[in-house]
Each structure stands twice: as structure tokens, then as C-alpha cells.
């Protein structure tokens, strides 16, 4: 079953400049890296374009698919019903470039921090709102389906549960009799 693509993120080319400035700043702060600034700047400038080209985020009907990686390809598929938070953050340097970071946290994720983080999504606020709106619509439609289940299936489920409880009770009685 193929899902419909609702929205695809595009990434701001200013991310390259941000990464370049961040790399240079790190070299200056470390003091030891100052002589390596031209090499670091060249490497960042050459690799950053490929990294940006390899990044994608696509919102489907029931999940968000994030792909990235130049050397090591990574694809994460996040079910919308599992998303607990879509954070939008912007540091001082990011503010100068007009960039935002979108961070996705999910229910049941292990470890601290975001499961997926996207830097430089064009119109990040709108992308975030569309994701949250789709998540809400999906959650509402699934709860509506559960409410409108036919009474016969609900009755059958109740019978099945009652039967299971009776079996468990019988097993407990048997176990107690064996211990005596």
C-alpha cells in the first residue's frame, strides 16, 4: 500500500554558510585549529553541498520519512501517532542566517534528545504545523473508527475476553488444588 505524499521539505542553501562559519569558529576557539582554518573551510564547503543534497523529509499520510547521509545513508520512518513533540529552535548564529532546527521526539524512544533533527528546513513553522495537523487528523479519524465499531464486533470482543478470564480462573483453581 503506497501512501500519498502530503508535503516535502526543502532545505535552505544558507545551511552551508552556517556550517562553514561554525567550523571556522570552532577552529578559532580551539586555538590549535587556527592554522587549519583554510583546510577545514574547503572541506566543509565541498562536503556541505552534498550533505544538503542528500537530505530529504517527506510527510506521508501516516508517517514522516527522513533521509540523509552521503557516505552512510540513513532513512528513518516516524509514525505520526508516535510523535510526541515537534520542537522548533533557533540559536543566535542560526538567527543571523534565518535558520531553524526542527526536532522530532517520539513515544518510546530511548535516550535523551530528539530522535530526528532537521536543520534549515525552508518555512519550518509551516512544515511543523502541517505535521501536527496531519497527526491530529489521523488520531481523530482512528478514534472515530473505534467509536463506530459495529456492536456485533464489540459484543464478540466482550465474549472473547469473558472466555479468557474464565480460563484463567480455572487454571488458578487447578494450580491451587495441586499445591494442597
C-alpha atoms as a PDB file:
ATOM      1  CA  UNK A   1       0.000   0.000   0.000  1.00  0.00           C
ATOM      2  CA  UNK A   2       1.573   3.278  -1.074  1.00  0.00           C
ATOM      3  CA  UNK A   3       0.882   6.364   0.931  1.00  0.00           C
ATOM      4  CA  UNK A   4       0.212   9.781  -0.503  1.00  0.00           C
ATOM      5  CA  UNK A   5       2.971  12.351  -0.163  1.00  0.00           C
ATOM      6  CA  UNK A   6       1.446  15.406   1.511  1.00  0.00           C
ATOM      7  CA  UNK A   7       4.490  17.664   1.795  1.00  0.00           C
ATOM      8  CA  UNK A   8       8.214  17.545   1.120  1.00  0.00           C
ATOM      9  CA  UNK A   9      10.702  19.747   2.923  1.00  0.00           C
ATOM     10  CA  UNK A  10      13.284  21.744   1.055  1.00  0.00           C
ATOM     11  CA  UNK A  11      16.463  22.928   2.730  1.00  0.00           C
ATOM     12  CA  UNK A  12      17.895  26.441   2.735  1.00  0.00           C
ATOM     13  CA  UNK A  13      21.291  26.732   0.991  1.00  0.00           C
ATOM     14  CA  UNK A  14      22.369  29.121   3.768  1.00  0.00           C
ATOM     15  CA  UNK A  15      22.970  25.999   5.875  1.00  0.00           C
ATOM     16  CA  UNK A  16      26.321  25.662   4.036  1.00  0.00           C
ATOM     17  CA  UNK A  17      27.382  29.116   5.192  1.00  0.00           C
ATOM     18  CA  UNK A  18      26.196  28.340   8.732  1.00  0.00           C
ATOM     19  CA  UNK A  19      28.241  25.120   8.850  1.00  0.00           C
ATOM     20  CA  UNK A  20      31.257  26.946   7.392  1.00  0.00           C
ATOM     21  CA  UNK A  21      31.109  29.709   9.998  1.00  0.00           C
ATOM     22  CA  UNK A  22      30.565  27.152  12.760  1.00  0.00           C
ATOM     23  CA  UNK A  23      33.634  25.187  11.614  1.00  0.00           C
ATOM     24  CA  UNK A  24      35.806  28.303  11.470  1.00  0.00           C
ATOM     25  CA  UNK A  25      34.525  29.430  14.884  1.00  0.00           C
ATOM     26  CA  UNK A  26      35.396  26.003  16.341  1.00  0.00           C
ATOM     27  CA  UNK A  27      38.922  26.229  14.902  1.00  0.00           C
ATOM     28  CA  UNK A  28      39.418  29.705  16.381  1.00  0.00           C
ATOM     29  CA  UNK A  29      38.091  28.686  19.800  1.00  0.00           C
ATOM     30  CA  UNK A  30      40.370  25.635  19.930  1.00  0.00           C
ATOM     31  CA  UNK A  31      43.414  27.854  19.127  1.00  0.00           C
ATOM     32  CA  UNK A  32      45.228  24.758  17.830  1.00  0.00           C
ATOM     33  CA  UNK A  33      42.907  24.693  14.808  1.00  0.00           C
ATOM     34  CA  UNK A  34      43.715  28.235  13.614  1.00  0.00           C
ATOM     35  CA  UNK A  35      46.371  27.082  11.089  1.00  0.00           C
ATOM     36  CA  UNK A  36      43.887  24.545   9.710  1.00  0.00           C
ATOM     37  CA  UNK A  37      41.111  27.075   9.001  1.00  0.00           C
ATOM     38  CA  UNK A  38      41.669  27.117   5.191  1.00  0.00           C
ATOM     39  CA  UNK A  39      41.629  23.302   5.011  1.00  0.00           C
ATOM     40  CA  UNK A  40      38.577  22.994   7.264  1.00  0.00           C
ATOM     41  CA  UNK A  41      36.745  25.707   5.304  1.00  0.00           C
ATOM     42  CA  UNK A  42      37.493  23.983   1.977  1.00  0.00           C
ATOM     43  CA  UNK A  43      36.351  20.580   3.236  1.00  0.00           C
ATOM     44  CA  UNK A  44      33.152  21.991   4.732  1.00  0.00           C
ATOM     45  CA  UNK A  45      32.380  23.951   1.569  1.00  0.00           C
ATOM     46  CA  UNK A  46      32.873  20.890  -0.649  1.00  0.00           C
ATOM     47  CA  UNK A  47      31.037  18.364   1.541  1.00  0.00           C
ATOM     48  CA  UNK A  48      28.193  20.597   2.801  1.00  0.00           C
ATOM     49  CA  UNK A  49      26.547  20.804  -0.621  1.00  0.00           C
ATOM     50  CA  UNK A  50      26.466  17.029  -0.934  1.00  0.00           C
ATOM     51  CA  UNK A  51      25.119  16.633   2.591  1.00  0.00           C
ATOM     52  CA  UNK A  52      22.333  19.120   1.836  1.00  0.00           C
ATOM     53  CA  UNK A  53      21.514  17.417  -1.462  1.00  0.00           C
ATOM     54  CA  UNK A  54      21.234  14.049   0.310  1.00  0.00           C
ATOM     55  CA  UNK A  55      18.805  15.355   2.958  1.00  0.00           C
ATOM     56  CA  UNK A  56      15.060  14.967   2.495  1.00  0.00           C
ATOM     57  CA  UNK A  57      11.978  14.925   4.658  1.00  0.00           C
ATOM     58  CA  UNK A  58       8.629  13.806   3.271  1.00  0.00           C
ATOM     59  CA  UNK A  59       5.330  13.865   5.126  1.00  0.00           C
ATOM     60  CA  UNK A  60       3.124  10.948   4.123  1.00  0.00           C
ATOM     61  CA  UNK A  61      -0.414  10.220   5.269  1.00  0.00           C
ATOM     62  CA  UNK A  62       0.646   8.158   8.307  1.00  0.00           C
ATOM     63  CA  UNK A  63       4.382   8.813   8.742  1.00  0.00           C
ATOM     64  CA  UNK A  64       7.298  11.167   8.256  1.00  0.00           C
ATOM     65  CA  UNK A  65      10.211   9.798   6.208  1.00  0.00           C
ATOM     66  CA  UNK A  66      13.619  11.425   6.748  1.00  0.00           C
ATOM     67  CA  UNK A  67      16.596  10.534   4.568  1.00  0.00           C
ATOM     68  CA  UNK A  68      20.148  11.787   4.898  1.00  0.00           C
ATOM     69  CA  UNK A  69      23.777  10.821   4.565  1.00  0.00           C
ATOM     70  CA  UNK A  70      26.471  10.998   1.932  1.00  0.00           C
ATOM     71  CA  UNK A  71      28.790   8.188   2.960  1.00  0.00           C
ATOM     72  CA  UNK A  72      26.466   6.371   5.332  1.00  0.00           C
ATOM     73  CA  UNK A  73      22.885   6.570   4.098  1.00  0.00           C
ATOM     74  CA  UNK A  74      20.200   6.731   6.770  1.00  0.00           C
ATOM     75  CA  UNK A  75      16.429   6.574   6.386  1.00  0.00           C
ATOM     76  CA  UNK A  76      14.082   6.950   9.325  1.00  0.00           C
ATOM     77  CA  UNK A  77      10.369   6.446   9.147  1.00  0.00           C
ATOM     78  CA  UNK A  78       8.494   8.019  12.059  1.00  0.00           C
ATOM     79  CA  UNK A  79       4.830   7.043  12.518  1.00  0.00           C
ATOM     80  CA  UNK A  80       2.815  10.198  13.175  1.00  0.00           C
ATOM     81  CA  UNK A  81       0.905   8.635  16.063  1.00  0.00           C
ATOM     82  CA  UNK A  82       4.245   8.101  17.873  1.00  0.00           C
ATOM     83  CA  UNK A  83       5.372  11.743  17.596  1.00  0.00           C
ATOM     84  CA  UNK A  84       5.093  13.433  20.990  1.00  0.00           C
ATOM     85  CA  UNK A  85       6.808  16.733  20.194  1.00  0.00           C
ATOM     86  CA  UNK A  86       7.982  18.716  17.195  1.00  0.00           C
ATOM     87  CA  UNK A  87      10.302  21.360  18.619  1.00  0.00           C
ATOM     88  CA  UNK A  88      11.309  24.448  16.677  1.00  0.00           C
ATOM     89  CA  UNK A  89      14.558  26.031  17.886  1.00  0.00           C
ATOM     90  CA  UNK A  90      16.875  28.787  16.752  1.00  0.00           C
ATOM     91  CA  UNK A  91      20.220  29.760  18.267  1.00  0.00           C
ATOM     92  CA  UNK A  92      21.818  33.202  17.939  1.00  0.00           C
ATOM     93  CA  UNK A  93      24.026  32.215  14.988  1.00  0.00           C
ATOM     94  CA  UNK A  94      21.118  30.428  13.318  1.00  0.00           C
ATOM     95  CA  UNK A  95      19.031  33.581  13.768  1.00  0.00           C
ATOM     96  CA  UNK A  96      21.622  35.554  11.761  1.00  0.00           C
ATOM     97  CA  UNK A  97      21.123  33.148   8.852  1.00  0.00           C
ATOM     98  CA  UNK A  98      17.347  32.847   9.310  1.00  0.00           C
ATOM     99  CA  UNK A  99      17.601  29.106  10.009  1.00  0.00           C
ATOM    100  CA  UNK A 100      15.560  26.885  12.307  1.00  0.00           C
ATOM    101  CA  UNK A 101      16.078  23.384  13.675  1.00  0.00           C
ATOM    102  CA  UNK A 102      13.109  21.017  13.788  1.00  0.00           C
ATOM    103  CA  UNK A 103      13.458  18.223  16.366  1.00  0.00           C
ATOM    104  CA  UNK A 104      11.132  15.230  16.482  1.00  0.00           C
ATOM    105  CA  UNK A 105      10.657  13.282  19.687  1.00  0.00           C
ATOM    106  CA  UNK A 106       8.620  10.108  19.842  1.00  0.00           C
ATOM    107  CA  UNK A 107       6.878   7.978  22.438  1.00  0.00           C
ATOM    108  CA  UNK A 108       9.027   5.055  23.483  1.00  0.00           C
ATOM    109  CA  UNK A 109      12.291   6.449  22.156  1.00  0.00           C
ATOM    110  CA  UNK A 110      15.357   5.505  24.138  1.00  0.00           C
ATOM    111  CA  UNK A 111      17.907   8.068  25.242  1.00  0.00           C
ATOM    112  CA  UNK A 112      17.772  11.789  25.660  1.00  0.00           C
ATOM    113  CA  UNK A 113      17.228  14.308  22.917  1.00  0.00           C
ATOM    114  CA  UNK A 114      15.445  14.180  19.618  1.00  0.00           C
ATOM    115  CA  UNK A 115      15.058  11.078  17.503  1.00  0.00           C
ATOM    116  CA  UNK A 116      15.489  13.152  14.335  1.00  0.00           C
ATOM    117  CA  UNK A 117      16.681  16.713  13.923  1.00  0.00           C
ATOM    118  CA  UNK A 118      16.460  18.746  10.702  1.00  0.00           C
ATOM    119  CA  UNK A 119      18.411  21.958  10.225  1.00  0.00           C
ATOM    120  CA  UNK A 120      17.476  24.568   7.645  1.00  0.00           C
ATOM    121  CA  UNK A 121      14.015  23.474   6.538  1.00  0.00           C
ATOM    122  CA  UNK A 122      12.566  26.264   4.418  1.00  0.00           C
ATOM    123  CA  UNK A 123       9.442  27.651   6.122  1.00  0.00           C
ATOM    124  CA  UNK A 124       9.984  25.403   9.146  1.00  0.00           C
ATOM    125  CA  UNK A 125       6.991  26.810  11.049  1.00  0.00           C
ATOM    126  CA  UNK A 126       4.579  25.780   8.285  1.00  0.00           C
ATOM    127  CA  UNK A 127       6.213  22.336   7.930  1.00  0.00           C
ATOM    128  CA  UNK A 128       5.828  21.826  11.682  1.00  0.00           C
ATOM    129  CA  UNK A 129       2.178  22.924  11.677  1.00  0.00           C
ATOM    130  CA  UNK A 130       1.287  20.661   8.732  1.00  0.00           C
ATOM    131  CA  UNK A 131       2.867  17.672  10.523  1.00  0.00           C
ATOM    132  CA  UNK A 132       0.982  18.396  13.751  1.00  0.00           C
ATOM    133  CA  UNK A 133      -2.284  18.952  11.850  1.00  0.00           C
ATOM    134  CA  UNK A 134      -1.895  15.643   9.971  1.00  0.00           C
ATOM    135  CA  UNK A 135      -1.075  13.881  13.247  1.00  0.00           C
ATOM    136  CA  UNK A 136      -4.244  15.291  14.848  1.00  0.00           C
ATOM    137  CA  UNK A 137      -6.403  14.368  11.842  1.00  0.00           C
ATOM    138  CA  UNK A 138      -5.029  10.839  11.816  1.00  0.00           C
ATOM    139  CA  UNK A 139      -5.568  10.445  15.574  1.00  0.00           C
ATOM    140  CA  UNK A 140      -9.140  11.759  15.330  1.00  0.00           C
ATOM    141  CA  UNK A 141     -10.032   9.502  12.406  1.00  0.00           C
ATOM    142  CA  UNK A 142      -8.697   6.386  14.177  1.00  0.00           C
ATOM    143  CA  UNK A 143     -10.601   7.215  17.380  1.00  0.00           C
ATOM    144  CA  UNK A 144     -13.765   7.838  15.336  1.00  0.00           C
ATOM    145  CA  UNK A 145     -13.398   4.401  13.713  1.00  0.00           C
ATOM    146  CA  UNK A 146     -13.097   2.767  17.136  1.00  0.00           C
ATOM    147  CA  UNK A 147     -16.210   4.567  18.388  1.00  0.00           C
ATOM    148  CA  UNK A 148     -18.249   3.433  15.381  1.00  0.00           C
ATOM    149  CA  UNK A 149     -17.298  -0.224  15.534  1.00  0.00           C
ATOM    150  CA  UNK A 150     -20.325  -2.401  14.937  1.00  0.00           C
ATOM    151  CA  UNK A 151     -21.980  -3.577  18.139  1.00  0.00           C
ATOM    152  CA  UNK A 152     -21.611  -7.188  16.990  1.00  0.00           C
ATOM    153  CA  UNK A 153     -17.809  -6.939  16.945  1.00  0.00           C
ATOM    154  CA  UNK A 154     -17.799  -5.236  20.343  1.00  0.00           C
ATOM    155  CA  UNK A 155     -20.064  -7.972  21.704  1.00  0.00           C
ATOM    156  CA  UNK A 156     -17.803 -10.646  20.218  1.00  0.00           C
ATOM    157  CA  UNK A 157     -14.780  -8.988  21.807  1.00  0.00           C
ATOM    158  CA  UNK A 158     -16.535  -8.927  25.191  1.00  0.00           C
ATOM    159  CA  UNK A 159     -17.404 -12.636  24.861  1.00  0.00           C
ATOM    160  CA  UNK A 160     -13.819 -13.445  23.984  1.00  0.00           C
ATOM    161  CA  UNK A 161     -12.493 -11.534  26.991  1.00  0.00           C
ATOM    162  CA  UNK A 162     -15.004 -13.214  29.310  1.00  0.00           C
ATOM    163  CA  UNK A 163     -13.981 -16.628  27.992  1.00  0.00           C
ATOM    164  CA  UNK A 164     -10.293 -15.790  28.590  1.00  0.00           C
ATOM    165  CA  UNK A 165     -10.946 -14.657  32.159  1.00  0.00           C
ATOM    166  CA  UNK A 166     -12.879 -17.846  32.899  1.00  0.00           C
ATOM    167  CA  UNK A 167      -9.982 -19.928  31.543  1.00  0.00           C
ATOM    168  CA  UNK A 168      -7.519 -18.066  33.746  1.00  0.00           C
ATOM    169  CA  UNK A 169      -9.734 -18.567  36.787  1.00  0.00           C
ATOM    170  CA  UNK A 170      -9.935 -22.303  36.037  1.00  0.00           C
ATOM    171  CA  UNK A 171      -6.127 -22.503  35.717  1.00  0.00           C
ATOM    172  CA  UNK A 172      -5.695 -20.756  39.064  1.00  0.00           C
ATOM    173  CA  UNK A 173      -8.106 -23.160  40.757  1.00  0.00           C
ATOM    174  CA  UNK A 174      -6.182 -26.110  39.284  1.00  0.00           C
ATOM    175  CA  UNK A 175      -2.845 -24.710  40.466  1.00  0.00           C
ATOM    176  CA  UNK A 176      -4.190 -24.120  43.988  1.00  0.00           C
ATOM    177  CA  UNK A 177      -5.566 -27.675  44.138  1.00  0.00           C
ATOM    178  CA  UNK A 178      -2.195 -29.107  43.090  1.00  0.00           C
ATOM    179  CA  UNK A 179      -0.375 -27.205  45.870  1.00  0.00           C
ATOM    180  CA  UNK A 180      -2.632 -28.662  48.593  1.00  0.00           C
END
